[in-house]
Protein backbone atom coordinates (compact mmCIF):
# COMPACT_ATOMS: atom_id res chain seq x y z
CA MET A 1 191.07 -83.51 -139.15
CA VAL A 2 190.02 -83.07 -135.54
CA LYS A 3 192.98 -82.67 -133.25
CA ARG A 4 191.17 -82.39 -129.92
CA ILE A 5 188.18 -81.12 -127.98
CA ILE A 6 189.17 -79.21 -124.88
CA MET A 7 186.59 -79.30 -122.12
CA CYS A 8 186.06 -77.57 -118.84
CA LEU A 9 182.93 -77.94 -116.78
CA MET A 10 181.27 -75.21 -114.80
CA VAL A 11 178.08 -75.26 -112.79
CA GLY A 12 175.15 -72.88 -112.86
CA PHE A 13 175.04 -73.21 -109.08
CA MET A 14 178.01 -70.88 -108.89
CA ALA A 15 175.71 -68.01 -109.81
CA VAL A 16 173.56 -68.51 -106.74
CA VAL A 17 173.45 -65.37 -104.61
CA LEU A 18 172.31 -64.68 -101.08
CA ALA A 19 168.72 -63.57 -100.79
CA GLY A 20 168.17 -62.28 -97.29
CA ALA A 21 168.96 -65.09 -94.85
CA SER A 22 168.36 -67.85 -97.38
CA PHE A 23 169.73 -68.94 -100.76
CA ALA A 24 168.17 -68.29 -104.16
CA ALA A 25 166.98 -71.14 -106.35
CA VAL A 26 169.62 -73.35 -107.93
CA SER A 27 170.26 -72.98 -111.66
CA PRO A 28 169.22 -76.08 -113.70
CA PHE A 29 172.25 -75.80 -116.03
CA ILE A 30 175.72 -77.22 -116.37
CA ASN A 31 177.90 -74.96 -118.51
CA VAL A 32 180.10 -76.91 -120.94
CA GLN A 33 182.87 -75.00 -122.65
CA GLY A 34 185.14 -76.45 -125.34
CA LYS A 35 187.12 -75.89 -128.52
CA LEU A 36 186.87 -77.64 -131.89
CA THR A 37 190.01 -77.89 -134.00
CA PRO A 38 189.61 -77.27 -136.89
CA PRO A 39 186.69 -74.83 -136.43
CA PRO A 40 183.39 -75.57 -138.19
CA LYS A 41 182.26 -73.95 -141.43
CA ALA A 42 180.44 -70.68 -140.77
CA ASP A 43 176.73 -70.48 -141.35
CA SER A 44 175.75 -68.31 -144.29
CA GLY A 45 176.49 -64.66 -143.47
CA GLN A 46 177.50 -65.49 -139.87
CA THR A 47 180.71 -65.60 -137.82
CA TYR A 48 179.73 -68.92 -136.30
CA GLY A 49 178.85 -72.40 -137.37
CA THR A 50 175.97 -74.42 -135.91
CA VAL A 51 176.93 -77.89 -134.69
CA SER A 52 174.46 -80.46 -133.36
CA MET A 53 175.79 -81.99 -130.14
CA ALA A 54 174.36 -84.86 -128.12
CA PHE A 55 175.08 -84.66 -124.38
CA THR A 56 174.60 -87.85 -122.37
CA ILE A 57 175.26 -88.39 -118.65
CA THR A 58 175.56 -91.92 -117.33
CA SER A 59 176.57 -93.54 -114.05
CA PRO A 60 178.10 -96.99 -113.59
CA THR A 61 176.07 -97.46 -110.42
CA ILE A 62 172.70 -96.04 -111.54
CA THR A 63 170.39 -97.59 -114.14
CA GLY A 64 169.43 -95.34 -117.03
CA SER A 65 170.91 -92.14 -118.40
CA TRP A 66 170.16 -88.49 -119.10
CA THR A 67 170.41 -87.16 -122.69
CA GLN A 68 169.92 -83.79 -124.35
CA THR A 69 170.64 -82.83 -127.99
CA LYS A 70 171.20 -79.15 -128.80
CA ASP A 71 172.33 -77.03 -131.76
CA ILE A 72 175.38 -75.17 -130.48
CA SER A 73 176.90 -72.04 -132.00
CA VAL A 74 180.67 -72.48 -132.43
CA ASP A 75 183.00 -69.60 -133.32
CA ALA A 76 184.05 -70.23 -136.93
CA THR A 77 187.46 -68.64 -136.35
CA THR A 78 188.54 -69.97 -132.95
CA GLY A 79 186.36 -73.08 -132.66
CA ILE A 80 185.33 -72.06 -129.13
CA PHE A 81 181.79 -72.91 -127.97
CA ASN A 82 179.71 -72.64 -124.83
CA ALA A 83 176.71 -74.87 -124.14
CA ALA A 84 174.26 -74.70 -121.25
CA ILE A 85 172.74 -78.14 -120.72
CA GLY A 86 170.36 -79.62 -118.19
CA ASP A 87 167.07 -77.83 -118.87
CA SER A 88 165.25 -80.26 -121.19
CA PRO A 89 164.78 -82.86 -119.98
CA SER A 90 165.40 -81.56 -116.46
CA LEU A 91 168.69 -82.70 -115.00
CA LEU A 92 167.42 -81.61 -111.58
CA ALA A 93 164.63 -84.18 -111.84
CA SER A 94 167.10 -86.96 -112.66
CA ASN A 95 168.94 -89.03 -110.06
CA ILE A 96 171.89 -89.66 -112.37
CA LEU A 97 174.21 -87.42 -110.31
CA ASN A 98 173.33 -88.96 -106.95
CA ASN A 99 176.26 -91.36 -106.51
CA GLY A 100 179.06 -88.99 -107.45
CA ASP A 101 180.41 -91.14 -110.29
CA ALA A 102 178.67 -89.63 -113.34
CA VAL A 103 180.32 -89.34 -116.77
CA LEU A 104 179.41 -86.80 -119.46
CA ASN A 105 179.65 -87.96 -123.09
CA ILE A 106 179.55 -85.52 -125.99
CA SER A 107 178.94 -86.83 -129.51
CA LEU A 108 179.01 -84.64 -132.63
CA SER A 109 179.73 -84.40 -136.37
CA TYR A 110 180.30 -81.28 -138.48
CA GLN A 111 181.96 -79.82 -141.56
CA ASP A 112 185.05 -77.62 -141.46
CA ALA A 113 185.64 -74.49 -143.55
CA SER A 114 186.70 -76.65 -146.52
CA SER A 115 183.44 -78.70 -146.27
CA ASN A 116 185.34 -81.73 -145.00
CA ASN A 117 183.21 -84.04 -142.86
CA ILE A 118 184.57 -84.20 -139.34
CA GLY A 119 183.42 -87.01 -137.12
CA PRO A 120 181.52 -88.64 -135.71
CA ILE A 121 183.43 -87.66 -132.55
CA SER A 122 182.73 -88.95 -129.05
CA ILE A 123 184.48 -87.79 -125.89
CA ASP A 124 183.87 -88.73 -122.24
CA GLU A 125 184.52 -86.43 -119.30
CA SER A 126 184.16 -87.47 -115.65
CA LEU A 127 182.13 -84.93 -113.73
CA ASN A 128 183.91 -83.54 -110.71
CA SER A 129 182.15 -82.72 -107.47
CA ALA A 130 180.95 -79.26 -108.55
CA PRO A 131 177.94 -80.39 -110.64
CA TYR A 132 176.43 -82.12 -107.64
CA ALA A 133 175.36 -78.75 -106.34
CA LEU A 134 172.55 -79.28 -108.86
CA ARG A 135 171.14 -81.67 -106.29
CA ALA A 136 170.01 -78.78 -104.12
CA ASP A 137 166.42 -79.91 -104.52
CA ALA A 138 167.25 -83.53 -103.66
CA ALA A 139 165.61 -85.30 -100.73
CA SER A 140 168.81 -85.00 -98.67
CA VAL A 141 172.46 -84.00 -98.88
CA THR A 142 175.17 -85.47 -96.65
CA TYR A 143 178.16 -83.30 -95.71
CA GLY A 144 180.63 -84.57 -93.15
CA ASN A 145 178.64 -86.48 -90.55
CA LEU A 146 175.46 -84.44 -90.94
CA THR A 147 172.55 -84.95 -93.34
CA TYR A 148 170.64 -81.90 -94.58
CA PRO A 149 167.30 -81.79 -96.45
CA ASN A 150 168.92 -79.85 -99.31
CA VAL A 151 172.00 -77.87 -100.27
CA SER A 152 170.46 -74.59 -99.13
CA ALA A 153 170.07 -75.98 -95.61
CA ALA A 154 173.67 -77.22 -95.66
CA LEU A 155 174.92 -73.80 -96.76
CA ASP A 156 172.76 -72.06 -94.17
CA ASN A 157 174.56 -74.14 -91.56
CA LEU A 158 177.95 -73.55 -93.20
CA PHE A 159 177.39 -69.78 -93.02
CA GLY A 160 176.26 -70.00 -89.43
CA ALA A 161 178.74 -67.27 -88.51
CA VAL A 162 176.66 -64.90 -90.64
CA TYR A 163 173.25 -66.18 -89.60
CA PRO A 164 174.01 -67.79 -86.22
CA ALA A 165 171.64 -70.21 -84.56
CA SER A 166 171.07 -69.00 -81.01
CA SER A 167 168.98 -69.66 -77.94
CA SER A 168 168.33 -68.17 -74.53
CA LEU A 169 167.17 -69.82 -71.31
CA GLN A 170 165.62 -68.14 -68.28
CA VAL A 171 164.84 -69.58 -64.85
CA ASN A 172 162.30 -67.86 -62.59
CA PRO A 173 162.95 -67.44 -59.73
CA ASN A 174 166.73 -67.57 -59.96
CA GLN A 175 167.24 -67.74 -56.18
CA GLY A 176 166.08 -70.19 -53.54
CA GLU A 177 166.40 -70.78 -49.82
CA LYS A 178 168.56 -73.67 -48.66
CA GLY A 179 166.51 -76.42 -47.09
CA VAL A 180 163.34 -75.40 -48.95
CA SER A 181 162.05 -77.03 -52.15
CA THR A 182 161.50 -74.16 -54.59
CA PRO A 183 159.06 -74.33 -57.55
CA LEU A 184 160.43 -72.69 -60.68
CA THR A 185 159.67 -72.16 -64.35
CA LEU A 186 162.12 -72.57 -67.20
CA SER A 187 161.36 -70.72 -70.44
CA TRP A 188 163.46 -70.40 -73.57
CA THR A 189 163.60 -69.12 -77.12
CA VAL A 190 165.49 -70.38 -80.19
CA SER A 191 166.47 -67.99 -82.99
CA ASN A 192 167.33 -68.34 -86.70
CA PHE A 193 166.03 -71.89 -87.10
CA THR A 194 163.03 -74.01 -86.14
CA PRO A 195 164.10 -76.75 -83.72
CA THR A 196 162.75 -80.28 -83.96
CA SER A 197 164.36 -81.21 -80.63
CA GLN A 198 164.55 -79.18 -77.43
CA LYS A 199 166.21 -80.95 -74.52
CA ILE A 200 166.75 -79.82 -70.95
CA ASP A 201 169.59 -81.88 -69.49
CA GLY A 202 169.08 -84.54 -72.14
CA VAL A 203 165.28 -84.85 -71.80
CA GLU A 204 162.82 -83.49 -74.37
CA ARG A 205 160.89 -80.53 -72.92
CA THR A 206 158.52 -77.85 -74.15
CA SER A 207 158.82 -74.20 -73.08
CA PRO A 208 157.67 -73.17 -70.52
CA TRP A 209 158.50 -76.09 -68.24
CA ASP A 210 157.77 -76.21 -64.50
CA THR A 211 159.78 -78.14 -61.94
CA SER A 212 161.16 -77.73 -58.42
CA VAL A 213 164.60 -78.10 -56.83
CA SER A 214 166.03 -77.71 -53.34
CA ASP A 215 169.65 -76.80 -54.03
CA THR A 216 171.73 -74.81 -56.50
CA THR A 217 171.09 -76.25 -59.97
CA THR A 218 172.25 -75.37 -63.48
CA PHE A 219 169.90 -76.29 -66.32
CA ASN A 220 171.26 -76.87 -69.83
CA LEU A 221 169.25 -76.46 -73.02
CA VAL A 222 170.27 -78.01 -76.36
CA ALA A 223 168.06 -77.28 -79.38
CA SER A 224 168.58 -78.81 -82.83
CA ASP A 225 166.90 -79.56 -86.14
CA THR A 226 167.32 -82.13 -88.92
CA SER A 227 169.46 -79.69 -90.93
CA GLY A 228 172.28 -79.77 -88.41
CA HIS A 229 171.56 -76.44 -86.69
CA THR A 230 172.26 -76.52 -82.96
CA ALA A 231 172.09 -73.96 -80.20
CA SER A 232 172.60 -74.23 -76.46
CA ALA A 233 172.06 -72.14 -73.37
CA SER A 234 172.18 -72.54 -69.61
CA ALA A 235 170.58 -70.92 -66.56
CA THR A 236 171.17 -71.37 -62.84
CA ILE A 237 169.05 -71.09 -59.73
CA THR A 238 171.32 -70.36 -56.75
CA PHE A 239 170.35 -71.31 -53.20
CA TYR A 240 171.37 -69.23 -50.22
CA HIS A 241 170.95 -69.49 -46.48
CA ARG A 242 168.56 -67.05 -44.86
CA ILE A 243 170.26 -64.55 -42.55
CA PHE A 244 168.19 -63.17 -39.68
CA TRP A 245 168.66 -59.92 -37.77
CA GLY A 246 166.46 -57.45 -35.99
CA ILE A 247 165.12 -56.28 -32.62
CA THR A 248 163.69 -58.44 -29.82
CA ASN A 249 162.49 -57.78 -26.29
CA THR A 250 163.99 -60.98 -24.89
CA VAL A 251 167.60 -61.95 -24.43
CA THR A 252 166.92 -65.54 -25.55
CA LEU A 253 165.41 -66.40 -28.94
CA SER A 254 163.52 -69.66 -29.47
CA SER A 255 162.44 -69.10 -33.09
CA LEU A 256 163.39 -67.06 -36.14
CA SER A 257 161.30 -65.21 -38.73
CA GLY A 258 161.84 -62.73 -41.54
CA GLY A 259 165.39 -62.13 -42.66
CA GLN A 260 166.80 -62.29 -46.18
CA LEU A 261 168.76 -64.65 -48.40
CA GLY A 262 172.46 -63.99 -48.68
CA SER A 263 175.85 -64.16 -47.06
CA LYS A 264 176.68 -63.68 -43.40
CA ALA A 265 179.22 -61.00 -44.25
CA GLY A 266 177.79 -57.55 -44.94
CA SER A 267 176.34 -54.38 -43.45
CA TYR A 268 173.21 -54.63 -41.30
CA PRO A 269 171.13 -51.71 -39.90
CA PHE A 270 169.50 -51.76 -36.48
CA SER A 271 167.19 -49.15 -34.88
CA PRO A 272 166.21 -50.16 -31.31
CA THR A 273 163.76 -47.67 -29.73
CA ALA A 274 163.09 -49.04 -26.23
CA GLU A 275 165.24 -49.67 -23.18
CA ASN A 276 164.52 -53.42 -23.38
CA SER A 277 165.28 -53.64 -27.10
CA TYR A 278 167.85 -56.33 -27.83
CA MET A 279 169.52 -56.49 -31.22
CA TYR A 280 170.02 -60.02 -32.58
CA PHE A 281 171.83 -61.63 -35.51
CA ALA A 282 171.50 -65.31 -36.55
CA PHE A 283 173.21 -67.44 -39.21
CA PRO A 284 173.63 -71.18 -39.94
CA ASP A 285 176.70 -72.90 -38.54
CA THR A 286 177.58 -74.00 -42.08
CA LEU A 287 178.81 -70.40 -42.49
CA GLY A 288 181.11 -70.63 -39.47
CA SER A 289 180.77 -70.80 -35.70
CA THR A 290 181.59 -67.19 -34.84
CA ALA A 291 180.99 -63.66 -36.08
CA SER A 292 182.56 -60.27 -35.40
CA PHE A 293 180.63 -56.99 -35.33
CA THR A 294 182.23 -53.67 -36.20
CA TYR A 295 180.65 -50.24 -35.64
CA LEU A 296 182.32 -47.02 -36.81
CA GLY A 297 185.52 -48.92 -37.50
CA ALA A 298 185.79 -50.50 -34.05
CA GLU A 299 184.73 -53.95 -32.92
CA ASP A 300 181.69 -53.89 -30.64
CA GLY A 301 182.08 -56.29 -27.70
CA GLY A 302 178.45 -55.95 -26.68
CA TRP A 303 177.44 -58.87 -28.91
CA VAL A 304 177.15 -62.15 -27.00
CA LYS A 305 176.85 -65.57 -28.58
CA GLN A 306 173.96 -67.60 -27.18
CA GLN A 307 174.78 -71.01 -25.80
CA ASN A 308 171.99 -72.82 -27.63
CA THR A 309 171.38 -72.92 -31.37
CA ILE A 310 168.02 -72.75 -33.14
CA ASN A 311 167.02 -75.31 -35.78
CA TYR A 312 165.66 -73.70 -38.92
CA ASN A 313 164.87 -75.71 -42.11
CA GLY A 314 167.21 -78.46 -40.95
CA TYR A 315 170.15 -76.17 -40.20
CA ASN A 316 171.52 -75.17 -36.80
CA TYR A 317 171.51 -71.39 -36.45
CA ILE A 318 173.93 -69.56 -34.20
CA VAL A 319 172.41 -66.50 -32.52
CA TYR A 320 174.20 -63.38 -31.26
CA VAL A 321 172.36 -60.90 -29.01
CA HIS A 322 173.42 -57.36 -28.08
CA SER A 323 172.67 -55.70 -24.75
CA PRO A 324 169.80 -53.15 -24.80
CA VAL A 325 170.58 -49.85 -26.51
CA ILE A 326 168.59 -47.10 -28.22
CA GLY A 327 169.54 -45.44 -31.51
CA ASN A 328 170.45 -46.18 -35.11
CA PHE A 329 173.37 -48.50 -35.78
CA THR A 330 174.83 -50.09 -38.89
CA TYR A 331 177.14 -53.01 -38.14
CA THR A 332 179.62 -54.64 -40.44
CA VAL A 333 179.52 -58.38 -39.84
CA ASN A 334 182.35 -60.79 -40.67
């Protein structure tokens, strides 16, 4: 008399190992383990008995079924057996697992050690979520709110901490002059996946991308693919006022040239060589209306603020001029 068949289901997918940065092929088998009580009669001269078992997988929401019949070796003492099913016909090629509601049926008959006929026996077992890893070669796999082309892609994304998606964004030049439209080029790279979308500030772009701006701007890159990989990066072009300083032979300036981008505060060298050499320093009034000049730790009162300002690139520049001197001087300006 058969008391019970004890089942547990395992999945060949569990044997998948990492191969470099990708996953090895998925096993086509489901491992079915069970126990027959009483055990079957042993084959002649063997410690096991051979039992023919029919394995059928059905789904209440999918038309059709998958069936495989195999001769399984069962321990004639303990009744324990192990069967690997799914290879013929291919379970991977079937869609029977697609809806997550599949049921495995096992049907069998055999003789026990006393040659009593046992069966036919039929038992159903609902398949838990583990066997659906066999769908690694399916057209798509949905996990959370993302859809991946296969399980390998989903796991690649899951293990993103090991193989992180990354990107970098460069802007050239990364500085500009206030009041001047500056042409620039954005270029970027994406690592560890092939993006199907590359957006700069929400608009699809292709690297390198040329544009122009006239004030400090931060550009944001977001790259992604259909497997759920994403990577982002940002780059900024910073605009500065141009600061002017140097030597002139007139006490009154009507125009400005040269100079460098930066802050008003800093150290500035001067080297007047003639008796009529005036030192000058000019900055936009957006940086303040006054400046102080320190030389060798003491404030130099020889700097005089001009009454009139000079317009440069739409900004009013304040100009300081120093009385004629000869020598080398480095002033700290605040």
